[in-house]
PDB file of N, CA and C in Angstrom:
ATOM      1  N   MET A   1      92.069 118.675  78.553  1.00  0.00           N
ATOM      2  CA  MET A   1      92.804 117.424  78.603  1.00  0.00           C
ATOM      3  C   MET A   1      94.259 117.752  78.934  1.00  0.00           C
ATOM      4  N   TYR A   2      94.854 116.881  79.727  1.00  0.00           N
ATOM      5  CA  TYR A   2      96.239 117.048  80.163  1.00  0.00           C
ATOM      6  C   TYR A   2      96.992 115.755  79.901  1.00  0.00           C
ATOM      7  N   ALA A   3      98.300 115.861  79.749  1.00  0.00           N
ATOM      8  CA  ALA A   3      99.117 114.680  79.484  1.00  0.00           C
ATOM      9  C   ALA A   3     100.404 114.752  80.288  1.00  0.00           C
ATOM     10  N   ARG A   4     100.793 113.613  80.801  1.00  0.00           N
ATOM     11  CA  ARG A   4     102.074 113.454  81.487  1.00  0.00           C
ATOM     12  C   ARG A   4     102.893 112.549  80.585  1.00  0.00           C
ATOM     13  N   ILE A   5     104.022 113.069  80.094  1.00  0.00           N
ATOM     14  CA  ILE A   5     104.847 112.339  79.138  1.00  0.00           C
ATOM     15  C   ILE A   5     106.134 111.920  79.832  1.00  0.00           C
ATOM     16  N   VAL A   6     106.364 110.617  79.888  1.00  0.00           N
ATOM     17  CA  VAL A   6     107.532 110.085  80.582  1.00  0.00           C
ATOM     18  C   VAL A   6     108.423 109.404  79.554  1.00  0.00           C
ATOM     19  N   ARG A   7     109.690 109.800  79.536  1.00  0.00           N
ATOM     20  CA  ARG A   7     110.655 109.227  78.608  1.00  0.00           C
ATOM     21  C   ARG A   7     111.562 108.268  79.364  1.00  0.00           C
ATOM     22  N   PHE A   8     111.861 107.125  78.713  1.00  0.00           N
ATOM     23  CA  PHE A   8     112.708 106.100  79.309  1.00  0.00           C
ATOM     24  C   PHE A   8     113.862 105.775  78.375  1.00  0.00           C
ATOM     25  N   SER A   9     115.016 105.465  78.962  1.00  0.00           N
ATOM     26  CA  SER A   9     116.156 104.931  78.208  1.00  0.00           C
ATOM     27  C   SER A   9     116.447 103.538  78.756  1.00  0.00           C
ATOM     28  N   ASP A  10     117.394 102.849  78.132  1.00  0.00           N
ATOM     29  CA  ASP A  10     117.784 101.500  78.572  1.00  0.00           C
ATOM     30  C   ASP A  10     116.576 100.571  78.686  1.00  0.00           C
ATOM     31  N   VAL A  11     115.669 100.664  77.724  1.00  0.00           N
ATOM     32  CA  VAL A  11     114.446  99.871  77.756  1.00  0.00           C
ATOM     33  C   VAL A  11     114.728  98.445  77.299  1.00  0.00           C
ATOM     34  N   ASP A  12     114.423  97.509  78.170  1.00  0.00           N
ATOM     35  CA  ASP A  12     114.554  96.097  77.845  1.00  0.00           C
ATOM     36  C   ASP A  12     113.277  95.696  77.102  1.00  0.00           C
ATOM     37  N   PRO A  13     113.372  95.267  75.842  1.00  0.00           N
ATOM     38  CA  PRO A  13     112.173  94.936  75.069  1.00  0.00           C
ATOM     39  C   PRO A  13     111.291  93.876  75.728  1.00  0.00           C
ATOM     40  N   ASP A  14     111.906  92.886  76.376  1.00  0.00           N
ATOM     41  CA  ASP A  14     111.123  91.847  77.041  1.00  0.00           C
ATOM     42  C   ASP A  14     110.370  92.404  78.244  1.00  0.00           C
ATOM     43  N   ARG A  15     111.022  93.277  78.992  1.00  0.00           N
ATOM     44  CA  ARG A  15     110.362  93.877  80.153  1.00  0.00           C
ATOM     45  C   ARG A  15     109.218  94.776  79.702  1.00  0.00           C
ATOM     46  N   LEU A  16     109.421  95.529  78.621  1.00  0.00           N
ATOM     47  CA  LEU A  16     108.346  96.379  78.101  1.00  0.00           C
ATOM     48  C   LEU A  16     107.176  95.514  77.639  1.00  0.00           C
ATOM     49  N   ALA A  17     107.461  94.435  76.922  1.00  0.00           N
ATOM     50  CA  ALA A  17     106.399  93.545  76.449  1.00  0.00           C
ATOM     51  C   ALA A  17     105.618  92.965  77.630  1.00  0.00           C
ATOM     52  N   SER A  18     106.312  92.628  78.694  1.00  0.00           N
ATOM     53  CA  SER A  18     105.664  92.093  79.886  1.00  0.00           C
ATOM     54  C   SER A  18     104.763  93.137  80.538  1.00  0.00           C
ATOM     55  N   ARG A  19     105.226  94.385  80.615  1.00  0.00           N
ATOM     56  CA  ARG A  19     104.429  95.476  81.213  1.00  0.00           C
ATOM     57  C   ARG A  19     103.180  95.738  80.365  1.00  0.00           C
ATOM     58  N   VAL A  20     103.346  95.726  79.047  1.00  0.00           N
ATOM     59  CA  VAL A  20     102.201  95.946  78.150  1.00  0.00           C
ATOM     60  C   VAL A  20     101.194  94.806  78.303  1.00  0.00           C
ATOM     61  N   ALA A  21     101.672  93.580  78.347  1.00  0.00           N
ATOM     62  CA  ALA A  21     100.774  92.421  78.516  1.00  0.00           C
ATOM     63  C   ALA A  21     100.003  92.525  79.827  1.00  0.00           C
ATOM     64  N   GLY A  22     100.676  92.937  80.891  1.00  0.00           N
ATOM     65  CA  GLY A  22     100.009  93.087  82.180  1.00  0.00           C
ATOM     66  C   GLY A  22      98.920  94.140  82.134  1.00  0.00           C
ATOM     67  N   ALA A  23      99.190  95.251  81.462  1.00  0.00           N
ATOM     68  CA  ALA A  23      98.184  96.313  81.337  1.00  0.00           C
ATOM     69  C   ALA A  23      96.994  95.834  80.510  1.00  0.00           C
ATOM     70  N   GLN A  24      97.269  95.076  79.461  1.00  0.00           N
ATOM     71  CA  GLN A  24      96.186  94.561  78.633  1.00  0.00           C
ATOM     72  C   GLN A  24      95.333  93.548  79.404  1.00  0.00           C
ATOM     73  N   GLU A  25      95.972  92.740  80.240  1.00  0.00           N
ATOM     74  CA  GLU A  25      95.229  91.783  81.063  1.00  0.00           C
ATOM     75  C   GLU A  25      94.336  92.500  82.067  1.00  0.00           C
ATOM     76  N   ARG A  26      94.821  93.624  82.607  1.00  0.00           N
ATOM     77  CA  ARG A  26      94.028  94.431  83.548  1.00  0.00           C
ATOM     78  C   ARG A  26      92.860  95.108  82.845  1.00  0.00           C
ATOM     79  N   GLY A  27      92.982  95.245  81.534  1.00  0.00           N
ATOM     80  CA  GLY A  27      91.916  95.890  80.775  1.00  0.00           C
ATOM     81  C   GLY A  27      92.023  97.402  80.708  1.00  0.00           C
ATOM     82  N   GLY A  28      93.197  97.937  80.978  1.00  0.00           N
ATOM     83  CA  GLY A  28      93.369  99.380  80.864  1.00  0.00           C
ATOM     84  C   GLY A  28      94.305  99.943  81.911  1.00  0.00           C
ATOM     85  N   PRO A  29      94.249 101.266  82.076  1.00  0.00           N
ATOM     86  CA  PRO A  29      95.121 101.941  83.046  1.00  0.00           C
ATOM     87  C   PRO A  29      94.844 101.464  84.472  1.00  0.00           C
ATOM     88  N   PRO A  30      95.797 101.689  85.367  1.00  0.00           N
ATOM     89  CA  PRO A  30      95.608 101.298  86.759  1.00  0.00           C
ATOM     90  C   PRO A  30      94.345 101.939  87.349  1.00  0.00           C
ATOM     91  N   VAL A  31      93.611 101.184  88.129  1.00  0.00           N
ATOM     92  CA  VAL A  31      92.364 101.706  88.698  1.00  0.00           C
ATOM     93  C   VAL A  31      92.605 102.689  89.833  1.00  0.00           C
ATOM     94  N   ASP A  32      93.804 102.682  90.417  1.00  0.00           N
ATOM     95  CA  ASP A  32      94.087 103.579  91.536  1.00  0.00           C
ATOM     96  C   ASP A  32      94.574 104.958  91.084  1.00  0.00           C
ATOM     97  N   ALA A  33      94.580 105.216  89.793  1.00  0.00           N
ATOM     98  CA  ALA A  33      94.991 106.518  89.269  1.00  0.00           C
ATOM     99  C   ALA A  33      93.933 106.997  88.273  1.00  0.00           C
ATOM    100  N   PRO A  34      93.590 108.283  88.303  1.00  0.00           N
ATOM    101  CA  PRO A  34      92.534 108.806  87.428  1.00  0.00           C
ATOM    102  C   PRO A  34      92.999 109.042  85.984  1.00  0.00           C
ATOM    103  N   VAL A  35      93.612 108.030  85.386  1.00  0.00           N
ATOM    104  CA  VAL A  35      94.128 108.126  84.026  1.00  0.00           C
ATOM    105  C   VAL A  35      93.017 107.757  83.039  1.00  0.00           C
ATOM    106  N   GLN A  36      92.841 108.580  82.013  1.00  0.00           N
ATOM    107  CA  GLN A  36      91.833 108.305  80.992  1.00  0.00           C
ATOM    108  C   GLN A  36      92.343 107.316  79.944  1.00  0.00           C
ATOM    109  N   ARG A  37      93.618 107.484  79.587  1.00  0.00           N
ATOM    110  CA  ARG A  37      94.195 106.668  78.510  1.00  0.00           C
ATOM    111  C   ARG A  37      95.704 106.693  78.657  1.00  0.00           C
ATOM    112  N   ILE A  38      96.356 105.604  78.263  1.00  0.00           N
ATOM    113  CA  ILE A  38      97.815 105.529  78.258  1.00  0.00           C
ATOM    114  C   ILE A  38      98.255 105.065  76.881  1.00  0.00           C
ATOM    115  N   GLN A  39      99.244 105.747  76.335  1.00  0.00           N
ATOM    116  CA  GLN A  39      99.867 105.343  75.074  1.00  0.00           C
ATOM    117  C   GLN A  39     101.328 105.019  75.360  1.00  0.00           C
ATOM    118  N   ILE A  40     101.829 103.948  74.753  1.00  0.00           N
ATOM    119  CA  ILE A  40     103.215 103.535  74.947  1.00  0.00           C
ATOM    120  C   ILE A  40     103.871 103.443  73.575  1.00  0.00           C
ATOM    121  N   LEU A  41     104.943 104.192  73.402  1.00  0.00           N
ATOM    122  CA  LEU A  41     105.683 104.206  72.143  1.00  0.00           C
ATOM    123  C   LEU A  41     107.089 103.676  72.413  1.00  0.00           C
ATOM    124  N   GLN A  42     107.622 102.900  71.476  1.00  0.00           N
ATOM    125  CA  GLN A  42     108.942 102.307  71.661  1.00  0.00           C
ATOM    126  C   GLN A  42     109.795 102.493  70.419  1.00  0.00           C
ATOM    127  N   ASP A  43     111.061 102.817  70.645  1.00  0.00           N
ATOM    128  CA  ASP A  43     112.068 102.783  69.597  1.00  0.00           C
ATOM    129  C   ASP A  43     113.031 101.670  69.993  1.00  0.00           C
ATOM    130  N   ALA A  44     112.794 100.477  69.455  1.00  0.00           N
ATOM    131  CA  ALA A  44     113.574  99.304  69.851  1.00  0.00           C
ATOM    132  C   ALA A  44     115.052  99.458  69.499  1.00  0.00           C
ATOM    133  N   ASP A  45     115.356 100.101  68.369  1.00  0.00           N
ATOM    134  CA  ASP A  45     116.753 100.258  67.958  1.00  0.00           C
ATOM    135  C   ASP A  45     117.541 101.112  68.951  1.00  0.00           C
ATOM    136  N   GLN A  46     116.899 102.154  69.492  1.00  0.00           N
ATOM    137  CA  GLN A  46     117.587 103.033  70.450  1.00  0.00           C
ATOM    138  C   GLN A  46     117.355 102.619  71.901  1.00  0.00           C
ATOM    139  N   ARG A  47     116.509 101.585  72.089  1.00  0.00           N
ATOM    140  CA  ARG A  47     116.162 101.099  73.428  1.00  0.00           C
ATOM    141  C   ARG A  47     115.561 102.216  74.285  1.00  0.00           C
ATOM    142  N   THR A  48     114.633 102.970  73.670  1.00  0.00           N
ATOM    143  CA  THR A  48     113.933 104.031  74.376  1.00  0.00           C
ATOM    144  C   THR A  48     112.430 103.809  74.278  1.00  0.00           C
ATOM    145  N   ALA A  49     111.701 104.471  75.158  1.00  0.00           N
ATOM    146  CA  ALA A  49     110.243 104.408  75.132  1.00  0.00           C
ATOM    147  C   ALA A  49     109.696 105.727  75.662  1.00  0.00           C
ATOM    148  N   VAL A  50     108.488 106.038  75.226  1.00  0.00           N
ATOM    149  CA  VAL A  50     107.761 107.213  75.705  1.00  0.00           C
ATOM    150  C   VAL A  50     106.384 106.719  76.139  1.00  0.00           C
ATOM    151  N   VAL A  51     105.986 107.109  77.335  1.00  0.00           N
ATOM    152  CA  VAL A  51     104.668 106.753  77.858  1.00  0.00           C
ATOM    153  C   VAL A  51     103.877 108.052  78.020  1.00  0.00           C
ATOM    154  N   ILE A  52     102.723 108.103  77.377  1.00  0.00           N
ATOM    155  CA  ILE A  52     101.863 109.283  77.454  1.00  0.00           C
ATOM    156  C   ILE A  52     100.625 108.899  78.259  1.00  0.00           C
ATOM    157  N   GLN A  53     100.436 109.574  79.370  1.00  0.00           N
ATOM    158  CA  GLN A  53      99.300 109.329  80.256  1.00  0.00           C
ATOM    159  C   GLN A  53      98.346 110.515  80.111  1.00  0.00           C
ATOM    160  N   HIS A  54      97.101 110.248  79.742  1.00  0.00           N
ATOM    161  CA  HIS A  54      96.116 111.306  79.498  1.00  0.00           C
ATOM    162  C   HIS A  54      95.182 111.449  80.700  1.00  0.00           C
ATOM    163  N   PHE A  55      94.901 112.700  81.074  1.00  0.00           N
ATOM    164  CA  PHE A  55      94.040 113.010  82.207  1.00  0.00           C
ATOM    165  C   PHE A  55      92.994 114.035  81.799  1.00  0.00           C
ATOM    166  N   GLU A  56      91.842 113.950  82.429  1.00  0.00           N
ATOM    167  CA  GLU A  56      90.765 114.900  82.154  1.00  0.00           C
ATOM    168  C   GLU A  56      91.102 116.295  82.681  1.00  0.00           C
ATOM    169  N   THR A  57      91.710 116.374  83.882  1.00  0.00           N
ATOM    170  CA  THR A  57      92.002 117.671  84.505  1.00  0.00           C
ATOM    171  C   THR A  57      93.426 117.704  85.041  1.00  0.00           C
ATOM    172  N   ALA A  58      93.903 118.917  85.311  1.00  0.00           N
ATOM    173  CA  ALA A  58      95.218 119.082  85.928  1.00  0.00           C
ATOM    174  C   ALA A  58      95.220 118.485  87.330  1.00  0.00           C
ATOM    175  N   GLU A  59      94.095 118.558  88.005  1.00  0.00           N
ATOM    176  CA  GLU A  59      93.983 117.994  89.348  1.00  0.00           C
ATOM    177  C   GLU A  59      94.125 116.470  89.313  1.00  0.00           C
ATOM    178  N   ASP A  60      93.518 115.830  88.311  1.00  0.00           N
ATOM    179  CA  ASP A  60      93.664 114.380  88.157  1.00  0.00           C
ATOM    180  C   ASP A  60      95.121 114.008  87.911  1.00  0.00           C
ATOM    181  N   MET A  61      95.802 114.793  87.081  1.00  0.00           N
ATOM    182  CA  MET A  61      97.208 114.518  86.791  1.00  0.00           C
ATOM    183  C   MET A  61      98.035 114.648  88.066  1.00  0.00           C
ATOM    184  N   ALA A  62      97.785 115.694  88.847  1.00  0.00           N
ATOM    185  CA  ALA A  62      98.517 115.892  90.095  1.00  0.00           C
ATOM    186  C   ALA A  62      98.229 114.760  91.083  1.00  0.00           C
ATOM    187  N   ALA A  63      96.989 114.312  91.140  1.00  0.00           N
ATOM    188  CA  ALA A  63      96.617 113.235  92.057  1.00  0.00           C
ATOM    189  C   ALA A  63      97.322 111.929  91.715  1.00  0.00           C
ATOM    190  N   ALA A  64      97.567 111.685  90.446  1.00  0.00           N
ATOM    191  CA  ALA A  64      98.211 110.446  90.009  1.00  0.00           C
ATOM    192  C   ALA A  64      99.728 110.497  90.138  1.00  0.00           C
ATOM    193  N   GLU A  65     100.265 111.684  90.233  1.00  0.00           N
ATOM    194  CA  GLU A  65     101.717 111.882  90.211  1.00  0.00           C
ATOM    195  C   GLU A  65     102.448 111.062  91.281  1.00  0.00           C
ATOM    196  N   ALA A  66     101.987 111.107  92.504  1.00  0.00           N
ATOM    197  CA  ALA A  66     102.688 110.409  93.589  1.00  0.00           C
ATOM    198  C   ALA A  66     102.748 108.907  93.336  1.00  0.00           C
ATOM    199  N   ALA A  67     101.640 108.335  92.867  1.00  0.00           N
ATOM    200  CA  ALA A  67     101.623 106.890  92.608  1.00  0.00           C
ATOM    201  C   ALA A  67     102.603 106.515  91.508  1.00  0.00           C
ATOM    202  N   PHE A  68     102.631 107.299  90.425  1.00  0.00           N
ATOM    203  CA  PHE A  68     103.554 106.983  89.333  1.00  0.00           C
ATOM    204  C   PHE A  68     105.004 107.205  89.743  1.00  0.00           C
ATOM    205  N   ASP A  69     105.270 108.281  90.487  1.00  0.00           N
ATOM    206  CA  ASP A  69     106.642 108.555  90.918  1.00  0.00           C
ATOM    207  C   ASP A  69     107.156 107.518  91.904  1.00  0.00           C
ATOM    208  N   ALA A  70     106.259 106.898  92.652  1.00  0.00           N
ATOM    209  CA  ALA A  70     106.653 105.912  93.654  1.00  0.00           C
ATOM    210  C   ALA A  70     106.822 104.511  93.082  1.00  0.00           C
ATOM    211  N   MET A  71     106.562 104.349  91.779  1.00  0.00           N
ATOM    212  CA  MET A  71     106.676 103.018  91.180  1.00  0.00           C
ATOM    213  C   MET A  71     108.081 102.464  91.355  1.00  0.00           C
ATOM    214  N   ASP A  72     108.145 101.192  91.687  1.00  0.00           N
ATOM    215  CA  ASP A  72     109.416 100.500  91.781  1.00  0.00           C
ATOM    216  C   ASP A  72     110.038 100.469  90.383  1.00  0.00           C
ATOM    217  N   PRO A  73     111.339 100.735  90.256  1.00  0.00           N
ATOM    218  CA  PRO A  73     111.974 100.714  88.939  1.00  0.00           C
ATOM    219  C   PRO A  73     111.744  99.421  88.162  1.00  0.00           C
ATOM    220  N   SER A  74     111.539  98.301  88.858  1.00  0.00           N
ATOM    221  CA  SER A  74     111.294  97.046  88.149  1.00  0.00           C
ATOM    222  C   SER A  74     109.914  97.024  87.502  1.00  0.00           C
ATOM    223  N   ASP A  75     109.050  97.967  87.874  1.00  0.00           N
ATOM    224  CA  ASP A  75     107.721  98.069  87.274  1.00  0.00           C
ATOM    225  C   ASP A  75     107.686  99.033  86.094  1.00  0.00           C
ATOM    226  N   THR A  76     108.835  99.608  85.756  1.00  0.00           N
ATOM    227  CA  THR A  76     108.907 100.531  84.623  1.00  0.00           C
ATOM    228  C   THR A  76     109.670  99.860  83.485  1.00  0.00           C
ATOM    229  N   PRO A  77     109.507 100.357  82.253  1.00  0.00           N
ATOM    230  CA  PRO A  77     110.171  99.687  81.129  1.00  0.00           C
ATOM    231  C   PRO A  77     111.668  99.935  81.031  1.00  0.00           C
ATOM    232  N   GLY A  78     112.187 100.899  81.781  1.00  0.00           N
ATOM    233  CA  GLY A  78     113.607 101.223  81.717  1.00  0.00           C
ATOM    234  C   GLY A  78     113.940 102.298  82.733  1.00  0.00           C
ATOM    235  N   THR A  79     114.961 103.090  82.427  1.00  0.00           N
ATOM    236  CA  THR A  79     115.381 104.179  83.307  1.00  0.00           C
ATOM    237  C   THR A  79     114.619 105.446  82.955  1.00  0.00           C
ATOM    238  N   ARG A  80     113.934 106.022  83.932  1.00  0.00           N
ATOM    239  CA  ARG A  80     113.172 107.257  83.708  1.00  0.00           C
ATOM    240  C   ARG A  80     114.149 108.400  83.428  1.00  0.00           C
ATOM    241  N   VAL A  81     114.013 109.046  82.272  1.00  0.00           N
ATOM    242  CA  VAL A  81     114.909 110.115  81.862  1.00  0.00           C
ATOM    243  C   VAL A  81     114.300 111.482  82.121  1.00  0.00           C
ATOM    244  N   SER A  82     113.012 111.631  81.793  1.00  0.00           N
ATOM    245  CA  SER A  82     112.364 112.928  81.991  1.00  0.00           C
ATOM    246  C   SER A  82     110.861 112.753  82.105  1.00  0.00           C
ATOM    247  N   ILE A  83     110.242 113.775  82.684  1.00  0.00           N
ATOM    248  CA  ILE A  83     108.786 113.817  82.806  1.00  0.00           C
ATOM    249  C   ILE A  83     108.328 115.212  82.407  1.00  0.00           C
ATOM    250  N   ASP A  84     107.404 115.279  81.467  1.00  0.00           N
ATOM    251  CA  ASP A  84     106.785 116.543  81.071  1.00  0.00           C
ATOM    252  C   ASP A  84     105.320 116.493  81.453  1.00  0.00           C
ATOM    253  N   ARG A  85     104.808 117.613  81.931  1.00  0.00           N
ATOM    254  CA  ARG A  85     103.394 117.733  82.291  1.00  0.00           C
ATOM    255  C   ARG A  85     102.804 118.823  81.409  1.00  0.00           C
ATOM    256  N   CYS A  86     101.851 118.450  80.560  1.00  0.00           N
ATOM    257  CA  CYS A  86     101.390 119.354  79.513  1.00  0.00           C
ATOM    258  C   CYS A  86      99.873 119.479  79.486  1.00  0.00           C
ATOM    259  N   GLU A  87      99.421 120.617  78.997  1.00  0.00           N
ATOM    260  CA  GLU A  87      98.016 120.788  78.666  1.00  0.00           C
ATOM    261  C   GLU A  87      97.880 120.605  77.165  1.00  0.00           C
ATOM    262  N   LEU A  88      96.935 119.781  76.755  1.00  0.00           N
ATOM    263  CA  LEU A  88      96.697 119.552  75.336  1.00  0.00           C
ATOM    264  C   LEU A  88      96.056 120.791  74.740  1.00  0.00           C
ATOM    265  N   LYS A  89      96.725 121.398  73.783  1.00  0.00           N
ATOM    266  CA  LYS A  89      96.236 122.628  73.160  1.00  0.00           C
ATOM    267  C   LYS A  89      95.550 122.370  71.836  1.00  0.00           C
ATOM    268  N   ALA A  90      95.910 121.304  71.153  1.00  0.00           N
ATOM    269  CA  ALA A  90      95.286 120.989  69.868  1.00  0.00           C
ATOM    270  C   ALA A  90      95.470 119.510  69.567  1.00  0.00           C
ATOM    271  N   GLU A  91      94.499 118.967  68.881  1.00  0.00           N
ATOM    272  CA  GLU A  91      94.590 117.592  68.409  1.00  0.00           C
ATOM    273  C   GLU A  91      94.081 117.612  66.964  1.00  0.00           C
ATOM    274  N   LEU A  92      94.961 117.299  66.041  1.00  0.00           N
ATOM    275  CA  LEU A  92      94.650 117.406  64.624  1.00  0.00           C
ATOM    276  C   LEU A  92      94.669 116.033  63.979  1.00  0.00           C
ATOM    277  N   ASP A  93      93.735 115.778  63.113  1.00  0.00           N
ATOM    278  CA  ASP A  93      93.747 114.529  62.356  1.00  0.00           C
ATOM    279  C   ASP A  93      93.059 114.753  61.023  1.00  0.00           C
ATOM    280  N   ARG A  94      93.249 113.826  60.147  1.00  0.00           N
ATOM    281  CA  ARG A  94      92.577 113.880  58.847  1.00  0.00           C
ATOM    282  C   ARG A  94      91.205 113.270  59.034  1.00  0.00           C
ATOM    283  N   GLY A  95      90.199 113.969  58.682  1.00  0.00           N
ATOM    284  CA  GLY A  95      88.928 113.338  58.832  1.00  0.00           C
ATOM    285  C   GLY A  95      87.855 114.307  58.866  1.00  0.00           C
TER     286      GLY A  95
END
């Protein structure tokens, strides 16, 4: 499993809520990208957000990269600050 973690600053809460609603109406991640799951985290007080995009393979993550990088800034929750591309090494939970 691989993850692309995108950090945003200057996040407008209304714009983020609108983006989340649109994704929920679509029923999940964009169909044109091989994303398995997307998680969106927000710190409203600091006006920041983190978007975690999960992929089955490194190749899937690379294939989706161009589409995500080409997104119009108005389609993002704020100003893109950084992008990390990671391999999931462990997932721990109580259970």
